[in-house]
Amino acid sequence: MFCQNCGKEIDDKAVVCIHCGVAVKPAAAAALDPNAKSKLAAGLLGIFLGSLGIHNFYLGNTNKAITQLLLGTVGAIVIVGPIISGIWGLIEGIYILTGKIATDATGHPLKD
């Protein structure tokens, strides 16, 4: 593979370019990490089950997930709770798939 910064060839398992010292793209590091979670799975969970916070449970963001779960279920009393939680989950799902949210709660990069 080639460094995104300097364009020189580097080892496929490299985390840092030996020529310029810039960190290699997080996706490459995620491929080596056995604890890396799937970006596709997290994104789809966010889009389809985001109002229940399932994607945040998957990524380890437990407090945020519980907030979404309560807003999506108990918030139905005020009617707008599930709507707000659903929009929140949809936006986070899109952010995950586009790479704006690229790590889980422990800081491990998401793998493709």
C-alpha atoms as a PDB file:
ATOM      1  CA  MET A   1       0.000   0.000   0.000  1.00  0.00           C
ATOM      2  CA  PHE A   2       1.018   3.629  -0.330  1.00  0.00           C
ATOM      3  CA  CYS A   3       1.156   6.445   2.226  1.00  0.00           C
ATOM      4  CA  GLN A   4      -1.669   8.943   1.822  1.00  0.00           C
ATOM      5  CA  ASN A   5       0.615  11.787   2.846  1.00  0.00           C
ATOM      6  CA  CYS A   6       3.871  11.278   0.927  1.00  0.00           C
ATOM      7  CA  GLY A   7       2.791   8.641  -1.617  1.00  0.00           C
ATOM      8  CA  LYS A   8       5.705   6.288  -0.930  1.00  0.00           C
ATOM      9  CA  GLU A   9       5.185   2.546  -0.649  1.00  0.00           C
ATOM     10  CA  ILE A  10       4.832   1.178   2.887  1.00  0.00           C
ATOM     11  CA  ASP A  11       4.161  -2.225   4.405  1.00  0.00           C
ATOM     12  CA  ASP A  12       0.495  -3.301   4.394  1.00  0.00           C
ATOM     13  CA  LYS A  13       0.603  -3.807   8.169  1.00  0.00           C
ATOM     14  CA  ALA A  14       2.196  -0.425   8.921  1.00  0.00           C
ATOM     15  CA  VAL A  15       0.496   1.880  11.400  1.00  0.00           C
ATOM     16  CA  VAL A  16       2.877   4.797  10.699  1.00  0.00           C
ATOM     17  CA  CYS A  17       4.666   5.705   7.461  1.00  0.00           C
ATOM     18  CA  ILE A  18       8.408   5.126   7.883  1.00  0.00           C
ATOM     19  CA  HIS A  19       9.181   7.859   5.342  1.00  0.00           C
ATOM     20  CA  CYS A  20       7.169  10.816   6.671  1.00  0.00           C
ATOM     21  CA  GLY A  21       5.964   9.630  10.115  1.00  0.00           C
ATOM     22  CA  VAL A  22       2.265  10.248   9.447  1.00  0.00           C
ATOM     23  CA  ALA A  23      -0.224   7.764  10.887  1.00  0.00           C
ATOM     24  CA  VAL A  24      -1.735   5.413   8.340  1.00  0.00           C
ATOM     25  CA  LYS A  25      -5.461   5.613   7.689  1.00  0.00           C
ATOM     26  CA  PRO A  26      -7.422   4.248  10.703  1.00  0.00           C
ATOM     27  CA  ALA A  27      -9.227   1.701   8.500  1.00  0.00           C
ATOM     28  CA  ALA A  28      -5.912  -0.049   7.887  1.00  0.00           C
ATOM     29  CA  ALA A  29      -5.277  -0.194  11.626  1.00  0.00           C
ATOM     30  CA  ALA A  30      -8.823  -1.490  12.190  1.00  0.00           C
ATOM     31  CA  ALA A  31      -8.174  -4.424   9.879  1.00  0.00           C
ATOM     32  CA  LEU A  32      -5.451  -5.619  12.267  1.00  0.00           C
ATOM     33  CA  ASP A  33      -7.407  -4.975  15.477  1.00  0.00           C
ATOM     34  CA  PRO A  34      -9.245  -8.083  16.728  1.00  0.00           C
ATOM     35  CA  ASN A  35     -11.530  -5.866  18.857  1.00  0.00           C
ATOM     36  CA  ALA A  36     -12.607  -3.642  15.949  1.00  0.00           C
ATOM     37  CA  LYS A  37     -16.341  -3.495  15.354  1.00  0.00           C
ATOM     38  CA  SER A  38     -17.969  -3.357  11.930  1.00  0.00           C
ATOM     39  CA  LYS A  39     -18.784   0.087  10.558  1.00  0.00           C
ATOM     40  CA  LEU A  40     -21.491  -1.378   8.305  1.00  0.00           C
ATOM     41  CA  ALA A  41     -23.203  -3.214  11.167  1.00  0.00           C
ATOM     42  CA  ALA A  42     -23.128  -0.162  13.431  1.00  0.00           C
ATOM     43  CA  GLY A  43     -24.419   2.119  10.672  1.00  0.00           C
ATOM     44  CA  LEU A  44     -27.286  -0.164   9.720  1.00  0.00           C
ATOM     45  CA  LEU A  45     -28.232  -0.653  13.371  1.00  0.00           C
ATOM     46  CA  GLY A  46     -28.274   3.131  13.733  1.00  0.00           C
ATOM     47  CA  ILE A  47     -30.502   3.605  10.704  1.00  0.00           C
ATOM     48  CA  PHE A  48     -32.991   0.819  11.398  1.00  0.00           C
ATOM     49  CA  LEU A  49     -32.932   0.464  15.219  1.00  0.00           C
ATOM     50  CA  GLY A  50     -31.438   3.823  16.170  1.00  0.00           C
ATOM     51  CA  SER A  51     -34.516   4.966  18.062  1.00  0.00           C
ATOM     52  CA  LEU A  52     -33.773   2.201  20.576  1.00  0.00           C
ATOM     53  CA  GLY A  53     -30.048   3.016  20.784  1.00  0.00           C
ATOM     54  CA  ILE A  54     -28.987  -0.457  19.630  1.00  0.00           C
ATOM     55  CA  HIS A  55     -26.046   0.913  17.623  1.00  0.00           C
ATOM     56  CA  ASN A  56     -24.718   2.674  20.714  1.00  0.00           C
ATOM     57  CA  PHE A  57     -24.983  -0.524  22.757  1.00  0.00           C
ATOM     58  CA  TYR A  58     -23.010  -2.252  19.965  1.00  0.00           C
ATOM     59  CA  LEU A  59     -20.322   0.450  20.022  1.00  0.00           C
ATOM     60  CA  GLY A  60     -20.133   0.461  23.834  1.00  0.00           C
ATOM     61  CA  ASN A  61     -21.680   3.910  24.399  1.00  0.00           C
ATOM     62  CA  THR A  62     -23.957   2.605  27.136  1.00  0.00           C
ATOM     63  CA  ASN A  63     -25.076   5.920  28.659  1.00  0.00           C
ATOM     64  CA  LYS A  64     -26.052   7.349  25.277  1.00  0.00           C
ATOM     65  CA  ALA A  65     -27.777   4.068  24.379  1.00  0.00           C
ATOM     66  CA  ILE A  66     -29.854   4.053  27.580  1.00  0.00           C
ATOM     67  CA  THR A  67     -30.853   7.670  26.939  1.00  0.00           C
ATOM     68  CA  GLN A  68     -32.025   6.791  23.428  1.00  0.00           C
ATOM     69  CA  LEU A  69     -33.814   3.685  24.661  1.00  0.00           C
ATOM     70  CA  LEU A  70     -35.710   5.616  27.326  1.00  0.00           C
ATOM     71  CA  LEU A  71     -36.490   8.469  24.954  1.00  0.00           C
ATOM     72  CA  GLY A  72     -37.753   6.005  22.348  1.00  0.00           C
ATOM     73  CA  THR A  73     -39.923   3.988  24.722  1.00  0.00           C
ATOM     74  CA  VAL A  74     -40.935   5.968  27.812  1.00  0.00           C
ATOM     75  CA  GLY A  75     -40.797   9.154  25.743  1.00  0.00           C
ATOM     76  CA  ALA A  76     -43.827   7.865  23.849  1.00  0.00           C
ATOM     77  CA  ILE A  77     -45.922   9.340  26.649  1.00  0.00           C
ATOM     78  CA  VAL A  78     -45.198  12.797  25.248  1.00  0.00           C
ATOM     79  CA  ILE A  79     -45.410  11.502  21.641  1.00  0.00           C
ATOM     80  CA  VAL A  80     -42.312  13.358  20.376  1.00  0.00           C
ATOM     81  CA  GLY A  81     -39.829  11.135  22.247  1.00  0.00           C
ATOM     82  CA  PRO A  82     -39.674   8.351  19.651  1.00  0.00           C
ATOM     83  CA  ILE A  83     -39.552  10.882  16.812  1.00  0.00           C
ATOM     84  CA  ILE A  84     -36.571  12.674  18.338  1.00  0.00           C
ATOM     85  CA  SER A  85     -34.837   9.393  19.164  1.00  0.00           C
ATOM     86  CA  GLY A  86     -35.492   8.052  15.650  1.00  0.00           C
ATOM     87  CA  ILE A  87     -34.036  11.134  13.957  1.00  0.00           C
ATOM     88  CA  TRP A  88     -31.049  11.032  16.335  1.00  0.00           C
ATOM     89  CA  GLY A  89     -30.404   7.360  15.488  1.00  0.00           C
ATOM     90  CA  LEU A  90     -30.798   7.952  11.744  1.00  0.00           C
ATOM     91  CA  ILE A  91     -28.289  10.803  11.804  1.00  0.00           C
ATOM     92  CA  GLU A  92     -25.793   8.783  13.853  1.00  0.00           C
ATOM     93  CA  GLY A  93     -26.206   5.821  11.501  1.00  0.00           C
ATOM     94  CA  ILE A  94     -25.390   8.040   8.522  1.00  0.00           C
ATOM     95  CA  TYR A  95     -22.423   9.556  10.399  1.00  0.00           C
ATOM     96  CA  ILE A  96     -21.073   6.071  11.101  1.00  0.00           C
ATOM     97  CA  LEU A  97     -21.387   4.977   7.471  1.00  0.00           C
ATOM     98  CA  THR A  98     -19.760   8.186   6.166  1.00  0.00           C
ATOM     99  CA  GLY A  99     -16.886   7.988   8.665  1.00  0.00           C
ATOM    100  CA  LYS A 100     -17.706  11.020  10.833  1.00  0.00           C
ATOM    101  CA  ILE A 101     -18.043   8.577  13.716  1.00  0.00           C
ATOM    102  CA  ALA A 102     -15.010   6.336  13.212  1.00  0.00           C
ATOM    103  CA  THR A 103     -14.299   4.791  16.635  1.00  0.00           C
ATOM    104  CA  ASP A 104     -16.155   2.833  19.269  1.00  0.00           C
ATOM    105  CA  ALA A 105     -16.404   3.828  22.939  1.00  0.00           C
ATOM    106  CA  THR A 106     -12.951   2.414  23.747  1.00  0.00           C
ATOM    107  CA  GLY A 107     -11.275   4.307  20.907  1.00  0.00           C
ATOM    108  CA  HIS A 108     -10.784   1.330  18.588  1.00  0.00           C
ATOM    109  CA  PRO A 109     -11.304   2.325  14.940  1.00  0.00           C
ATOM    110  CA  LEU A 110     -14.269   0.751  13.151  1.00  0.00           C
ATOM    111  CA  LYS A 111     -13.422  -1.708  10.395  1.00  0.00           C
ATOM    112  CA  ASP A 112     -15.008  -1.614   6.947  1.00  0.00           C
END
